[in-house]
Amino acid sequence: MADRKNLLFVQIQADLYGSSRSLLRLVGALDKKVYNPVVVLSSDGLLKEHLERNGAKVIEVSHVGAVGRWNLFSWQFFLIPYNILKATWRLLRIIRRERIDLVHSNTSIILAAALAARIAKIPHVFHVREIFDEFPLFWKIHRRFISWSSREVICISSAVAGQFPGRPTRIIHNGLEIGSECPVRPDAAKMRKELGLNGALLAGCIGRIKLRRKGQEVLIRAIALLKERGVIINALIVGSPFTGNESHLLQLRELARTLGVAGQVRFVEERPDVWPFYAMMDIFVMPSILPEPLGNVTMEAMAMGLPVIASRGGGSLDLVEEGRSGLLFRPGDSVELADKLAFLHQHPQQRREMGEAGRRRQLAEFSLERCAGRIDDLYRRILHLPLPGSRGQA
């Protein structure tokens, strides 16, 4: 055990959304005989206790030197250099105290961890989980920093890797082992009854509540269009807004009332155990207006055997095989989404076949074993550790 390599993971949010869930899964899958995971979080939250259960040491700091919407477009912009320098110094102290061998920034908007690793002269890995279409000038500069400061750059999809033209990256899709996270299928009928949902087909989405980005309003409009056609489909929208965006949820509720489908749309705050919500659904919808880097929730829905309808673009193109494991529609186009929902409503056999195909695809291409194995190989090559026999021969 004394020869284990100490890995430092740096993460911002301590909730249980996309990047946090991916980190939790990776830490849980690491061989603890080889690695000792240490995780720095910038806040307390559900992620901390789950990481500790998975064998990680968790250290909280007030800042990890990240750049995001919250400080790019506010007075906090002027504090960015100070916060990055302060976070770099704190992380450098942690690197030295914990005798860290490799630093892994779990999202690409964390700058201080890369700088601290550079000063400490140890390898650093950037895990790029974002698409920066909204910030072309920032991205033009930032991608140079990412390449300069990293031994390896991991991208979670082809769309994310496409942001690095002419620069080396490694595409490693997120992975999921549903058997360990959802060993027993929840009682869907009981939960539907508790939410007051009738026997109509249920289409659902899970994710942050964010207007003009996550696209929950597109789903509500599609439900209303279908009602006008005489097709009744209920919608389940699971998720919570970021602090400061609470009005987005209120606007979605008002939209459902205005369109006359308030009785068909249920809103539920996301909980740590999301599997019961998937179990309730007949169709999963990823309605994002802006492209998703990958879409963990789409992958989770596929693992649960749900047919998927996703907006065409971003990581969805890696996940969904059009017409086989799901359907794609133009981002923001509620009419096309309504058409796709109507098709699956009218063709239950195709729903079943797409759901089964998606589950097979998730098991084959997006398993946790596959994801963690590829990252383990990457760590071993960087740290000059022997590869396990079967993978070493590949």
Protein backbone atom coordinates (compact mmCIF):
# COMPACT_ATOMS: atom_id res chain seq x y z
CA MET A 1 0.00 0.00 0.00
CA ALA A 2 2.97 2.30 0.61
CA ASP A 3 3.77 2.26 -3.10
CA ARG A 4 0.38 3.59 -4.18
CA LYS A 5 0.35 6.64 -6.41
CA ASN A 6 -1.39 9.68 -4.96
CA LEU A 7 -3.85 11.27 -7.37
CA LEU A 8 -5.31 14.72 -6.79
CA PHE A 9 -8.70 15.40 -8.41
CA VAL A 10 -9.98 18.99 -8.38
CA GLN A 11 -13.71 19.64 -8.74
CA ILE A 12 -15.93 22.72 -8.36
CA GLN A 13 -19.51 21.73 -7.57
CA ALA A 14 -20.24 19.22 -4.84
CA ASP A 15 -23.71 18.39 -6.12
CA LEU A 16 -24.56 15.22 -8.02
CA TYR A 17 -24.92 16.43 -11.59
CA GLY A 18 -22.90 15.56 -14.72
CA SER A 19 -19.21 16.13 -13.98
CA SER A 20 -19.67 15.30 -10.30
CA ARG A 21 -21.31 11.95 -11.04
CA SER A 22 -18.60 11.13 -13.56
CA LEU A 23 -15.89 11.89 -11.01
CA LEU A 24 -17.65 9.79 -8.37
CA ARG A 25 -17.90 6.84 -10.75
CA LEU A 26 -14.24 7.12 -11.76
CA VAL A 27 -12.99 7.33 -8.16
CA GLY A 28 -15.11 4.32 -7.23
CA ALA A 29 -13.69 2.29 -10.13
CA LEU A 30 -10.01 3.05 -9.44
CA ASP A 31 -7.87 0.21 -8.15
CA LYS A 32 -7.15 1.32 -4.58
CA LYS A 33 -4.15 -1.03 -4.44
CA VAL A 34 -2.55 1.14 -7.10
CA TYR A 35 -3.99 4.61 -6.46
CA ASN A 36 -4.81 6.74 -3.46
CA PRO A 37 -7.42 9.30 -4.58
CA VAL A 38 -7.52 12.75 -2.94
CA VAL A 39 -10.29 15.12 -4.04
CA VAL A 40 -10.40 18.89 -3.57
CA LEU A 41 -13.88 20.43 -3.59
CA SER A 42 -14.74 24.11 -3.45
CA SER A 43 -17.87 23.51 -1.36
CA ASP A 44 -19.62 21.00 0.86
CA GLY A 45 -22.37 18.84 -0.59
CA LEU A 46 -23.67 15.37 -1.34
CA LEU A 47 -20.65 14.56 -3.46
CA LYS A 48 -18.33 14.68 -0.46
CA GLU A 49 -19.93 11.86 1.50
CA HIS A 50 -20.27 9.70 -1.61
CA LEU A 51 -16.60 10.19 -2.48
CA GLU A 52 -15.53 9.29 1.04
CA ARG A 53 -17.61 6.09 0.83
CA ASN A 54 -15.73 5.29 -2.37
CA GLY A 55 -12.38 5.52 -0.62
CA ALA A 56 -11.31 9.10 -1.39
CA LYS A 57 -9.89 11.65 0.99
CA VAL A 58 -11.82 14.90 0.53
CA ILE A 59 -10.37 18.36 1.20
CA GLU A 60 -12.51 21.49 1.04
CA VAL A 61 -11.12 24.85 -0.06
CA SER A 62 -13.02 28.07 -0.66
CA HIS A 63 -11.73 28.56 -4.23
CA VAL A 64 -10.20 26.24 -6.83
CA GLY A 65 -9.32 29.00 -9.29
CA ALA A 66 -12.12 28.43 -11.79
CA VAL A 67 -13.45 30.74 -14.49
CA GLY A 68 -17.14 30.55 -15.35
CA ARG A 69 -20.20 32.53 -16.33
CA TRP A 70 -20.61 33.66 -12.74
CA ASN A 71 -17.36 35.66 -12.79
CA LEU A 72 -16.81 36.36 -16.50
CA PHE A 73 -19.91 38.55 -16.67
CA SER A 74 -19.98 40.26 -13.29
CA TRP A 75 -17.85 42.50 -11.11
CA GLN A 76 -16.05 39.31 -9.99
CA PHE A 77 -14.21 39.39 -13.31
CA PHE A 78 -11.68 41.78 -11.75
CA LEU A 79 -10.99 39.28 -8.94
CA ILE A 80 -10.14 36.41 -11.29
CA PRO A 81 -6.32 36.86 -11.26
CA TYR A 82 -6.26 37.21 -7.47
CA ASN A 83 -8.49 34.15 -6.92
CA ILE A 84 -6.45 32.04 -9.32
CA LEU A 85 -3.16 32.95 -7.63
CA LYS A 86 -4.65 32.33 -4.19
CA ALA A 87 -6.08 28.96 -5.25
CA THR A 88 -2.80 27.98 -6.94
CA TRP A 89 -0.90 28.56 -3.72
CA ARG A 90 -3.43 26.53 -1.68
CA LEU A 91 -3.38 23.65 -4.14
CA LEU A 92 0.41 23.71 -4.26
CA ARG A 93 0.49 23.28 -0.49
CA ILE A 94 -1.92 20.35 -0.74
CA ILE A 95 0.18 18.77 -3.51
CA ARG A 96 3.27 18.92 -1.35
CA ARG A 97 1.56 17.86 1.88
CA GLU A 98 -0.22 14.88 0.30
CA ARG A 99 2.81 13.93 -1.84
CA ILE A 100 0.72 14.02 -5.00
CA ASP A 101 2.04 12.23 -8.08
CA LEU A 102 -0.52 13.43 -10.64
CA VAL A 103 -3.17 16.18 -10.74
CA HIS A 104 -6.45 15.69 -12.61
CA SER A 105 -8.66 18.75 -13.19
CA ASN A 106 -12.17 17.32 -13.53
CA THR A 107 -13.41 20.23 -15.66
CA SER A 108 -11.56 22.52 -18.03
CA ILE A 109 -12.62 25.78 -16.36
CA ILE A 110 -10.35 25.11 -13.37
CA LEU A 111 -7.09 26.95 -13.99
CA ALA A 112 -5.27 26.88 -10.66
CA ALA A 113 -4.73 23.10 -10.48
CA ALA A 114 -2.81 23.11 -13.76
CA LEU A 115 -0.63 25.98 -12.57
CA ALA A 116 0.04 24.33 -9.22
CA ALA A 117 1.04 21.08 -10.92
CA ARG A 118 3.33 23.00 -13.27
CA ILE A 119 5.08 24.70 -10.34
CA ALA A 120 5.36 21.38 -8.48
CA LYS A 121 6.77 19.77 -11.66
CA ILE A 122 4.32 16.89 -11.65
CA PRO A 123 2.05 15.75 -14.51
CA HIS A 124 -1.37 17.30 -14.98
CA VAL A 125 -4.42 16.01 -16.88
CA PHE A 126 -7.26 18.22 -18.08
CA HIS A 127 -10.68 16.58 -18.41
CA VAL A 128 -12.59 18.74 -20.90
CA ARG A 129 -16.34 18.38 -20.37
CA GLU A 130 -17.49 21.66 -21.90
CA ILE A 131 -18.35 23.16 -25.26
CA PHE A 132 -17.35 26.82 -25.53
CA ASP A 133 -19.35 27.98 -28.56
CA GLU A 134 -20.71 30.91 -26.53
CA PHE A 135 -17.25 32.21 -25.66
CA PRO A 136 -15.08 32.14 -28.82
CA LEU A 137 -12.52 34.72 -27.68
CA PHE A 138 -12.06 33.13 -24.24
CA TRP A 139 -11.79 29.68 -25.82
CA LYS A 140 -9.16 30.78 -28.35
CA ILE A 141 -6.89 31.69 -25.44
CA HIS A 142 -7.97 28.96 -23.04
CA ARG A 143 -7.37 26.01 -25.36
CA ARG A 144 -3.74 27.11 -25.69
CA PHE A 145 -3.47 27.13 -21.90
CA ILE A 146 -5.02 23.66 -21.71
CA SER A 147 -2.55 22.20 -24.20
CA TRP A 148 0.43 23.99 -22.61
CA SER A 149 -0.37 22.92 -19.06
CA SER A 150 -1.34 19.26 -19.57
CA ARG A 151 0.42 15.99 -20.16
CA GLU A 152 -2.87 14.65 -21.56
CA VAL A 153 -6.15 16.28 -22.57
CA ILE A 154 -9.21 14.04 -22.15
CA CYS A 155 -12.31 15.00 -24.13
CA ILE A 156 -15.65 13.34 -23.36
CA SER A 157 -16.98 13.36 -26.94
CA SER A 158 -16.10 13.98 -30.56
CA ALA A 159 -17.81 17.38 -30.35
CA VAL A 160 -15.62 18.42 -27.44
CA ALA A 161 -12.46 17.15 -29.14
CA GLY A 162 -13.40 19.08 -32.27
CA GLN A 163 -12.66 22.29 -30.37
CA PHE A 164 -8.93 21.44 -30.53
CA PRO A 165 -8.14 21.53 -34.27
CA GLY A 166 -4.61 20.34 -34.91
CA ARG A 167 -3.95 19.64 -31.22
CA PRO A 168 -3.60 16.17 -29.64
CA THR A 169 -6.48 15.04 -27.43
CA ARG A 170 -7.82 11.72 -26.24
CA ILE A 171 -11.55 10.97 -26.53
CA ILE A 172 -12.75 8.94 -23.54
CA HIS A 173 -16.51 8.82 -23.17
CA ASN A 174 -17.99 8.81 -19.68
CA GLY A 175 -19.01 5.39 -18.42
CA LEU A 176 -21.74 3.89 -16.28
CA GLU A 177 -22.26 0.64 -14.40
CA ILE A 178 -25.98 0.56 -13.79
CA GLY A 179 -25.93 -2.69 -11.83
CA SER A 180 -24.06 -1.08 -8.94
CA GLU A 181 -26.07 2.15 -8.98
CA CYS A 182 -29.53 0.68 -9.59
CA PRO A 183 -29.43 -2.97 -8.45
CA VAL A 184 -33.22 -3.22 -8.09
CA ARG A 185 -35.61 -1.65 -10.60
CA PRO A 186 -37.87 0.83 -8.74
CA ASP A 187 -41.65 0.45 -8.59
CA ALA A 188 -42.61 2.76 -11.45
CA ALA A 189 -46.37 2.26 -11.11
CA LYS A 190 -46.31 3.28 -7.44
CA MET A 191 -44.31 6.43 -8.14
CA ARG A 192 -46.56 7.44 -11.02
CA LYS A 193 -49.56 7.12 -8.74
CA GLU A 194 -47.88 9.25 -6.06
CA LEU A 195 -47.29 12.00 -8.64
CA GLY A 196 -50.88 11.83 -9.86
CA LEU A 197 -49.94 10.72 -13.36
CA ASN A 198 -52.57 8.82 -15.32
CA GLY A 199 -52.00 6.02 -17.80
CA ALA A 200 -50.87 8.27 -20.66
CA LEU A 201 -47.44 7.81 -22.19
CA LEU A 202 -44.80 9.59 -20.11
CA ALA A 203 -41.89 11.50 -21.67
CA GLY A 204 -39.30 12.86 -19.26
CA CYS A 205 -36.08 14.80 -19.00
CA ILE A 206 -33.55 15.19 -16.20
CA GLY A 207 -31.08 18.03 -15.78
CA ARG A 208 -30.47 21.55 -14.59
CA ILE A 209 -33.42 23.89 -15.05
CA LYS A 210 -32.06 26.47 -17.46
CA LEU A 211 -34.14 28.36 -20.01
CA ARG A 212 -32.73 28.83 -23.51
CA ARG A 213 -30.03 26.30 -22.73
CA LYS A 214 -31.35 23.02 -21.36
CA GLY A 215 -34.56 23.31 -23.38
CA GLN A 216 -37.24 22.18 -20.93
CA GLU A 217 -39.50 24.82 -22.52
CA VAL A 218 -39.15 23.01 -25.88
CA LEU A 219 -40.57 19.84 -24.35
CA ILE A 220 -43.49 21.71 -22.79
CA ARG A 221 -44.35 23.34 -26.13
CA ALA A 222 -44.18 19.95 -27.86
CA ILE A 223 -46.61 18.49 -25.29
CA ALA A 224 -49.00 21.39 -25.99
CA LEU A 225 -48.74 20.90 -29.77
CA LEU A 226 -49.55 17.22 -29.37
CA LYS A 227 -52.58 18.06 -27.24
CA GLU A 228 -53.87 20.24 -30.10
CA ARG A 229 -53.53 17.19 -32.38
CA GLY A 230 -55.47 15.04 -29.92
CA VAL A 231 -52.39 13.14 -28.71
CA ILE A 232 -52.03 13.15 -24.92
CA ILE A 233 -48.53 12.60 -23.56
CA ASN A 234 -47.50 13.56 -20.05
CA ALA A 235 -44.14 15.12 -19.23
CA LEU A 236 -41.91 14.68 -16.18
CA ILE A 237 -39.28 17.40 -15.71
CA VAL A 238 -36.72 16.53 -13.04
CA GLY A 239 -34.15 19.06 -11.91
CA SER A 240 -33.42 22.24 -10.01
CA PRO A 241 -32.08 25.63 -11.10
CA PHE A 242 -28.76 27.05 -10.00
CA THR A 243 -28.95 29.62 -7.22
CA GLY A 244 -29.99 32.87 -8.85
CA ASN A 245 -31.94 31.12 -11.61
CA GLU A 246 -35.00 30.23 -9.54
CA SER A 247 -37.16 32.35 -11.87
CA HIS A 248 -36.49 29.86 -14.68
CA LEU A 249 -38.53 27.21 -12.90
CA LEU A 250 -41.35 29.68 -12.26
CA GLN A 251 -41.34 30.63 -15.95
CA LEU A 252 -41.58 26.98 -16.99
CA ARG A 253 -44.57 26.44 -14.70
CA GLU A 254 -46.22 29.56 -16.10
CA LEU A 255 -45.57 28.38 -19.66
CA ALA A 256 -47.29 25.07 -18.94
CA ARG A 257 -50.29 26.93 -17.49
CA THR A 258 -50.46 29.39 -20.41
CA LEU A 259 -50.38 26.56 -22.96
CA GLY A 260 -53.05 24.62 -21.09
CA VAL A 261 -50.92 21.60 -20.21
CA ALA A 262 -50.23 22.24 -16.52
CA GLY A 263 -52.13 19.05 -15.71
CA GLN A 264 -49.87 17.04 -18.01
CA VAL A 265 -46.51 18.37 -16.77
CA ARG A 266 -44.97 17.41 -13.43
CA PHE A 267 -41.94 19.18 -11.96
CA VAL A 268 -39.77 17.33 -9.43
CA GLU A 269 -36.59 18.53 -7.73
CA GLU A 270 -33.67 16.27 -8.53
CA ARG A 271 -32.68 13.85 -5.79
CA PRO A 272 -29.48 11.83 -5.30
CA ASP A 273 -31.24 8.66 -6.49
CA VAL A 274 -32.45 9.48 -10.01
CA TRP A 275 -33.19 5.90 -11.10
CA PRO A 276 -36.85 5.86 -9.97
CA PHE A 277 -37.53 8.74 -12.35
CA TYR A 278 -36.07 6.89 -15.32
CA ALA A 279 -38.11 3.83 -14.35
CA MET A 280 -41.30 5.89 -14.57
CA MET A 281 -40.64 7.11 -18.11
CA ASP A 282 -41.67 5.57 -21.41
CA ILE A 283 -39.48 7.93 -23.46
CA PHE A 284 -36.47 10.01 -22.46
CA VAL A 285 -36.04 13.46 -24.03
CA MET A 286 -32.80 15.44 -24.14
CA PRO A 287 -34.21 18.80 -25.32
CA SER A 288 -31.08 20.96 -24.97
CA ILE A 289 -31.01 24.05 -27.18
CA LEU A 290 -27.24 24.48 -26.85
CA PRO A 291 -25.18 21.37 -27.63
CA GLU A 292 -24.45 19.02 -24.75
CA PRO A 293 -20.79 18.02 -24.43
CA LEU A 294 -21.97 14.41 -24.01
CA GLY A 295 -25.14 14.03 -21.96
CA ASN A 296 -24.74 11.72 -18.97
CA VAL A 297 -28.49 11.64 -18.50
CA THR A 298 -28.92 10.34 -22.06
CA MET A 299 -26.43 7.57 -21.29
CA GLU A 300 -28.27 6.76 -18.07
CA ALA A 301 -31.60 6.61 -19.90
CA MET A 302 -30.09 4.22 -22.46
CA ALA A 303 -28.83 2.03 -19.62
CA MET A 304 -32.40 1.86 -18.31
CA GLY A 305 -33.63 0.67 -21.69
CA LEU A 306 -35.47 3.85 -22.65
CA PRO A 307 -35.84 5.06 -26.23
CA VAL A 308 -34.20 8.48 -26.51
CA ILE A 309 -35.18 11.59 -28.42
CA ALA A 310 -32.28 14.07 -28.31
CA SER A 311 -31.50 17.39 -29.93
CA ARG A 312 -29.18 16.89 -32.89
CA GLY A 313 -25.69 18.10 -32.02
CA GLY A 314 -22.89 17.88 -29.50
CA GLY A 315 -22.28 14.62 -27.67
CA SER A 316 -25.71 13.26 -28.56
CA LEU A 317 -24.26 12.34 -31.96
CA ASP A 318 -21.79 10.00 -30.21
CA LEU A 319 -24.49 8.41 -28.06
CA VAL A 320 -27.61 8.08 -30.21
CA GLU A 321 -27.73 6.10 -33.44
CA GLU A 322 -30.57 7.76 -35.36
CA GLY A 323 -33.44 5.34 -35.97
CA ARG A 324 -31.76 2.53 -34.05
CA SER A 325 -31.29 3.51 -30.39
CA GLY A 326 -33.22 6.76 -30.61
CA LEU A 327 -34.28 9.76 -32.65
CA LEU A 328 -32.78 13.21 -33.17
CA PHE A 329 -34.43 16.59 -33.77
CA ARG A 330 -33.31 20.14 -34.54
CA PRO A 331 -32.35 21.99 -31.34
CA GLY A 332 -35.16 24.25 -30.16
CA ASP A 333 -37.67 22.88 -32.71
CA SER A 334 -40.74 21.94 -30.67
CA VAL A 335 -42.67 20.98 -33.83
CA GLU A 336 -40.11 18.35 -34.85
CA LEU A 337 -39.90 17.12 -31.26
CA ALA A 338 -43.70 16.76 -31.23
CA ASP A 339 -43.49 14.76 -34.47
CA LYS A 340 -40.89 12.40 -32.98
CA LEU A 341 -42.94 11.95 -29.80
CA ALA A 342 -46.04 11.25 -31.87
CA PHE A 343 -44.16 8.61 -33.88
CA LEU A 344 -43.07 6.74 -30.75
CA HIS A 345 -46.55 7.15 -29.29
CA GLN A 346 -48.00 5.41 -32.35
CA HIS A 347 -45.32 2.69 -32.61
CA PRO A 348 -44.81 0.82 -29.31
CA GLN A 349 -42.77 -1.89 -31.02
CA GLN A 350 -40.21 0.68 -32.19
CA ARG A 351 -40.10 2.12 -28.66
CA ARG A 352 -39.18 -1.29 -27.28
CA GLU A 353 -36.63 -2.02 -30.00
CA MET A 354 -34.93 1.37 -29.65
CA GLY A 355 -34.79 0.99 -25.88
CA GLU A 356 -33.21 -2.45 -26.16
CA ALA A 357 -30.72 -1.25 -28.78
CA GLY A 358 -29.76 1.71 -26.59
CA ARG A 359 -29.16 -0.54 -23.59
CA ARG A 360 -26.93 -2.85 -25.64
CA ARG A 361 -25.02 0.16 -26.97
CA GLN A 362 -24.48 1.58 -23.48
CA LEU A 363 -23.15 -1.75 -22.20
CA ALA A 364 -20.80 -2.15 -25.16
CA GLU A 365 -19.54 1.41 -25.71
CA PHE A 366 -20.21 3.45 -22.56
CA SER A 367 -19.53 1.11 -19.66
CA LEU A 368 -17.70 2.25 -16.55
CA GLU A 369 -15.21 -0.58 -17.03
CA ARG A 370 -14.31 0.72 -20.49
CA CYS A 371 -14.04 4.37 -19.34
CA ALA A 372 -12.09 3.68 -16.14
CA GLY A 373 -9.83 1.19 -17.93
CA ARG A 374 -8.80 3.74 -20.54
CA ILE A 375 -8.12 6.40 -17.90
CA ASP A 376 -6.18 3.86 -15.83
CA ASP A 377 -4.04 3.10 -18.89
CA LEU A 378 -3.43 6.83 -19.32
CA TYR A 379 -2.34 7.22 -15.68
CA ARG A 380 -0.05 4.21 -15.92
CA ARG A 381 1.68 5.51 -19.05
CA ILE A 382 2.21 8.92 -17.47
CA LEU A 383 3.42 7.50 -14.14
CA HIS A 384 5.49 4.71 -15.76
CA LEU A 385 3.48 1.92 -14.15
CA PRO A 386 3.16 -1.52 -15.78
CA LEU A 387 -0.05 -2.07 -17.74
CA PRO A 388 -2.29 -4.95 -16.67
CA GLY A 389 -1.63 -7.99 -18.88
CA SER A 390 -4.81 -7.99 -20.98
CA ARG A 391 -4.76 -4.26 -21.71
CA GLY A 392 -1.00 -4.16 -22.12
CA GLN A 393 -1.29 -6.50 -25.09
CA ALA A 394 -3.89 -4.30 -26.86
